[in-house]
Amino acid sequence: MIRSELLQKLAQENPELRAQEIEQVVDIFFEEIAQRLAEGGRVELRGFGAFSTREREARTGRNPRTGESVDVPAKRVPYFKPGKEMRNALNEE
């Protein structure tokens, strides 16, 4: 699902809201998650999962075109851990 599909689905399920209001809610939702992760925090959505960050150490990589060694700096990357309900829904038989 892409962002526009999400907005359409929310509009169908909430006909009392204008498209602009729905878009504003979605923007705020994703901005708050991103801001909390940037601050080093964690976002937990019960029944869905938890967003956090993980540290990646500096390493030496390779340029795939030239094969030349490249230093890759340490960085934080986003991480998502699905909740129990999500894992169960994905693995129903």
N, C-alpha and C. Protein backbone atom coordinates (compact mmCIF):
# COMPACT_ATOMS: atom_id res chain seq x y z
N MET A 1 0.85 -1.17 0.00
CA MET A 1 0.00 0.00 0.00
C MET A 1 0.89 1.23 0.00
N ILE A 2 0.55 2.18 -0.84
CA ILE A 2 1.28 3.44 -0.86
C ILE A 2 0.44 4.52 -0.18
N ARG A 3 1.06 5.66 0.05
CA ARG A 3 0.43 6.74 0.82
C ARG A 3 -0.93 7.14 0.24
N SER A 4 -1.03 7.28 -1.08
CA SER A 4 -2.29 7.70 -1.70
C SER A 4 -3.38 6.66 -1.48
N GLU A 5 -3.02 5.38 -1.48
CA GLU A 5 -4.01 4.33 -1.22
C GLU A 5 -4.50 4.39 0.22
N LEU A 6 -3.58 4.68 1.13
CA LEU A 6 -3.96 4.84 2.54
C LEU A 6 -4.93 6.00 2.69
N LEU A 7 -4.65 7.12 2.05
CA LEU A 7 -5.54 8.28 2.13
C LEU A 7 -6.92 7.96 1.56
N GLN A 8 -6.97 7.24 0.44
CA GLN A 8 -8.25 6.86 -0.16
C GLN A 8 -9.04 5.95 0.78
N LYS A 9 -8.38 4.98 1.38
CA LYS A 9 -9.04 4.05 2.30
C LYS A 9 -9.61 4.80 3.51
N LEU A 10 -8.82 5.71 4.06
CA LEU A 10 -9.30 6.50 5.21
C LEU A 10 -10.47 7.38 4.81
N ALA A 11 -10.44 7.93 3.60
CA ALA A 11 -11.55 8.77 3.11
C ALA A 11 -12.83 7.95 2.96
N GLN A 12 -12.71 6.72 2.47
CA GLN A 12 -13.87 5.85 2.31
C GLN A 12 -14.49 5.51 3.67
N GLU A 13 -13.64 5.26 4.65
CA GLU A 13 -14.13 4.85 5.97
C GLU A 13 -14.54 6.02 6.85
N ASN A 14 -14.20 7.25 6.44
CA ASN A 14 -14.54 8.45 7.22
C ASN A 14 -15.10 9.52 6.30
N PRO A 15 -16.30 9.31 5.73
CA PRO A 15 -16.85 10.27 4.75
C PRO A 15 -17.14 11.65 5.35
N GLU A 16 -17.23 11.73 6.67
CA GLU A 16 -17.50 13.02 7.32
C GLU A 16 -16.28 13.94 7.32
N LEU A 17 -15.10 13.40 7.03
CA LEU A 17 -13.86 14.20 7.00
C LEU A 17 -13.52 14.60 5.57
N ARG A 18 -13.01 15.82 5.43
CA ARG A 18 -12.54 16.27 4.11
C ARG A 18 -11.19 15.64 3.81
N ALA A 19 -10.86 15.55 2.54
CA ALA A 19 -9.59 14.95 2.12
C ALA A 19 -8.41 15.68 2.75
N GLN A 20 -8.51 16.99 2.86
CA GLN A 20 -7.44 17.79 3.45
C GLN A 20 -7.23 17.44 4.92
N GLU A 21 -8.31 17.19 5.64
CA GLU A 21 -8.20 16.82 7.06
C GLU A 21 -7.56 15.45 7.21
N ILE A 22 -7.94 14.52 6.35
CA ILE A 22 -7.35 13.18 6.41
C ILE A 22 -5.86 13.24 6.12
N GLU A 23 -5.49 14.00 5.11
CA GLU A 23 -4.07 14.13 4.77
C GLU A 23 -3.28 14.75 5.91
N GLN A 24 -3.88 15.72 6.59
CA GLN A 24 -3.22 16.37 7.72
C GLN A 24 -2.99 15.38 8.86
N VAL A 25 -3.97 14.53 9.13
CA VAL A 25 -3.84 13.53 10.20
C VAL A 25 -2.72 12.55 9.86
N VAL A 26 -2.68 12.08 8.62
CA VAL A 26 -1.64 11.14 8.21
C VAL A 26 -0.26 11.79 8.31
N ASP A 27 -0.15 13.05 7.86
CA ASP A 27 1.12 13.77 7.94
C ASP A 27 1.60 13.89 9.39
N ILE A 28 0.69 14.27 10.28
CA ILE A 28 1.05 14.42 11.70
C ILE A 28 1.48 13.07 12.27
N PHE A 29 0.77 12.01 11.93
CA PHE A 29 1.09 10.67 12.44
C PHE A 29 2.52 10.28 12.07
N PHE A 30 2.87 10.40 10.79
CA PHE A 30 4.21 10.00 10.36
C PHE A 30 5.29 10.97 10.86
N GLU A 31 4.98 12.25 10.93
CA GLU A 31 5.96 13.22 11.44
C GLU A 31 6.28 12.95 12.91
N GLU A 32 5.28 12.60 13.69
CA GLU A 32 5.50 12.33 15.11
C GLU A 32 6.36 11.08 15.31
N ILE A 33 6.12 10.05 14.51
CA ILE A 33 6.95 8.85 14.60
C ILE A 33 8.39 9.20 14.25
N ALA A 34 8.59 9.92 13.14
CA ALA A 34 9.94 10.28 12.71
C ALA A 34 10.64 11.15 13.75
N GLN A 35 9.91 12.12 14.32
CA GLN A 35 10.50 13.00 15.31
C GLN A 35 10.93 12.23 16.56
N ARG A 36 10.08 11.32 17.02
CA ARG A 36 10.41 10.54 18.21
C ARG A 36 11.64 9.67 17.97
N LEU A 37 11.73 9.06 16.79
CA LEU A 37 12.90 8.24 16.46
C LEU A 37 14.15 9.09 16.36
N ALA A 38 14.03 10.30 15.80
CA ALA A 38 15.18 11.20 15.69
C ALA A 38 15.70 11.60 17.06
N GLU A 39 14.82 11.66 18.04
CA GLU A 39 15.21 12.00 19.41
C GLU A 39 15.78 10.79 20.15
N GLY A 40 15.80 9.64 19.50
CA GLY A 40 16.32 8.44 20.13
C GLY A 40 15.26 7.66 20.88
N GLY A 41 14.00 8.04 20.70
CA GLY A 41 12.91 7.37 21.41
C GLY A 41 12.39 6.15 20.69
N ARG A 42 11.28 5.66 21.19
CA ARG A 42 10.65 4.45 20.67
C ARG A 42 9.16 4.74 20.51
N VAL A 43 8.53 4.18 19.49
CA VAL A 43 7.09 4.35 19.27
C VAL A 43 6.46 2.96 19.25
N GLU A 44 5.53 2.73 20.16
CA GLU A 44 4.87 1.43 20.24
C GLU A 44 3.40 1.59 19.92
N LEU A 45 2.93 0.83 18.94
CA LEU A 45 1.53 0.82 18.56
C LEU A 45 0.99 -0.58 18.91
N ARG A 46 0.27 -0.67 19.99
CA ARG A 46 -0.21 -1.97 20.48
C ARG A 46 -0.98 -2.70 19.40
N GLY A 47 -0.70 -3.97 19.24
CA GLY A 47 -1.36 -4.79 18.24
C GLY A 47 -0.73 -4.68 16.86
N PHE A 48 0.15 -3.71 16.69
CA PHE A 48 0.80 -3.52 15.38
C PHE A 48 2.29 -3.80 15.48
N GLY A 49 2.99 -3.02 16.31
CA GLY A 49 4.42 -3.23 16.47
C GLY A 49 5.09 -2.02 17.09
N ALA A 50 6.42 -2.06 17.10
CA ALA A 50 7.19 -0.99 17.72
C ALA A 50 8.29 -0.52 16.77
N PHE A 51 8.44 0.79 16.68
CA PHE A 51 9.50 1.41 15.90
C PHE A 51 10.58 1.87 16.86
N SER A 52 11.83 1.62 16.51
CA SER A 52 12.96 2.10 17.31
C SER A 52 14.13 2.31 16.35
N THR A 53 15.28 2.64 16.91
CA THR A 53 16.47 2.80 16.08
C THR A 53 17.54 1.85 16.58
N ARG A 54 18.44 1.50 15.69
CA ARG A 54 19.59 0.67 16.04
C ARG A 54 20.85 1.35 15.53
N GLU A 55 21.92 1.13 16.26
CA GLU A 55 23.21 1.70 15.87
C GLU A 55 23.93 0.75 14.92
N ARG A 56 24.49 1.30 13.88
CA ARG A 56 25.36 0.53 12.98
C ARG A 56 26.76 1.08 13.11
N GLU A 57 27.71 0.20 13.32
CA GLU A 57 29.10 0.63 13.49
C GLU A 57 29.70 1.03 12.14
N ALA A 58 30.75 1.84 12.22
CA ALA A 58 31.48 2.21 11.02
C ALA A 58 32.10 0.96 10.42
N ARG A 59 32.23 0.92 9.12
CA ARG A 59 32.79 -0.25 8.46
C ARG A 59 33.43 0.16 7.15
N THR A 60 34.13 -0.77 6.55
CA THR A 60 34.70 -0.55 5.23
C THR A 60 33.84 -1.30 4.23
N GLY A 61 33.31 -0.57 3.25
CA GLY A 61 32.48 -1.17 2.22
C GLY A 61 33.20 -1.14 0.89
N ARG A 62 32.51 -1.54 -0.16
CA ARG A 62 33.09 -1.53 -1.49
C ARG A 62 32.14 -0.82 -2.45
N ASN A 63 32.73 -0.02 -3.33
CA ASN A 63 31.96 0.61 -4.40
C ASN A 63 31.66 -0.50 -5.41
N PRO A 64 30.37 -0.79 -5.68
CA PRO A 64 30.05 -1.91 -6.57
C PRO A 64 30.52 -1.70 -8.01
N ARG A 65 30.66 -0.46 -8.45
CA ARG A 65 31.10 -0.20 -9.82
C ARG A 65 32.60 -0.40 -10.00
N THR A 66 33.35 0.15 -9.04
CA THR A 66 34.82 0.14 -9.20
C THR A 66 35.51 -0.91 -8.35
N GLY A 67 34.83 -1.41 -7.32
CA GLY A 67 35.47 -2.36 -6.42
C GLY A 67 36.36 -1.68 -5.39
N GLU A 68 36.42 -0.35 -5.44
CA GLU A 68 37.27 0.43 -4.53
C GLU A 68 36.71 0.39 -3.11
N SER A 69 37.59 0.33 -2.11
CA SER A 69 37.18 0.37 -0.71
C SER A 69 36.66 1.75 -0.36
N VAL A 70 35.58 1.77 0.43
CA VAL A 70 34.95 3.02 0.85
C VAL A 70 34.67 2.93 2.34
N ASP A 71 35.01 3.98 3.09
CA ASP A 71 34.69 4.02 4.51
C ASP A 71 33.23 4.42 4.68
N VAL A 72 32.47 3.59 5.39
CA VAL A 72 31.07 3.87 5.67
C VAL A 72 30.98 4.28 7.14
N PRO A 73 30.52 5.51 7.43
CA PRO A 73 30.50 5.98 8.82
C PRO A 73 29.43 5.26 9.66
N ALA A 74 29.58 5.34 10.97
CA ALA A 74 28.58 4.81 11.90
C ALA A 74 27.30 5.60 11.72
N LYS A 75 26.16 4.94 11.93
CA LYS A 75 24.88 5.64 11.79
C LYS A 75 23.79 4.92 12.55
N ARG A 76 22.70 5.64 12.76
CA ARG A 76 21.50 5.05 13.35
C ARG A 76 20.53 4.75 12.22
N VAL A 77 19.87 3.61 12.31
CA VAL A 77 18.90 3.23 11.28
C VAL A 77 17.58 2.86 11.96
N PRO A 78 16.43 3.10 11.29
CA PRO A 78 15.15 2.73 11.88
C PRO A 78 14.98 1.21 11.88
N TYR A 79 14.25 0.73 12.88
CA TYR A 79 14.00 -0.70 13.04
C TYR A 79 12.54 -0.88 13.44
N PHE A 80 11.88 -1.87 12.85
CA PHE A 80 10.49 -2.17 13.19
C PHE A 80 10.39 -3.60 13.70
N LYS A 81 9.76 -3.76 14.85
CA LYS A 81 9.52 -5.09 15.40
C LYS A 81 8.00 -5.29 15.43
N PRO A 82 7.49 -6.24 14.65
CA PRO A 82 6.04 -6.46 14.63
C PRO A 82 5.53 -6.99 15.97
N GLY A 83 4.30 -6.62 16.31
CA GLY A 83 3.68 -7.09 17.53
C GLY A 83 3.16 -8.51 17.37
N LYS A 84 2.80 -9.11 18.48
CA LYS A 84 2.33 -10.49 18.48
C LYS A 84 1.10 -10.67 17.59
N GLU A 85 0.16 -9.73 17.65
CA GLU A 85 -1.05 -9.83 16.85
C GLU A 85 -0.73 -9.80 15.36
N MET A 86 0.21 -8.94 14.98
CA MET A 86 0.60 -8.86 13.56
C MET A 86 1.26 -10.15 13.12
N ARG A 87 2.18 -10.66 13.92
CA ARG A 87 2.86 -11.92 13.56
C ARG A 87 1.85 -13.05 13.40
N ASN A 88 0.88 -13.10 14.31
CA ASN A 88 -0.14 -14.15 14.22
C ASN A 88 -1.00 -13.99 12.97
N ALA A 89 -1.37 -12.75 12.63
CA ALA A 89 -2.19 -12.50 11.44
C ALA A 89 -1.43 -12.88 10.18
N LEU A 90 -0.12 -12.65 10.15
CA LEU A 90 0.66 -12.97 8.97
C LEU A 90 0.87 -14.47 8.81
N ASN A 91 0.79 -15.21 9.89
CA ASN A 91 1.09 -16.64 9.86
C ASN A 91 -0.13 -17.53 10.07
N GLU A 92 -1.34 -16.97 9.86
CA GLU A 92 -2.55 -17.79 9.97
C GLU A 92 -2.58 -18.79 8.84
N GLU A 93 -3.15 -19.94 9.11
CA GLU A 93 -3.21 -20.97 8.07
C GLU A 93 -4.62 -21.31 7.73
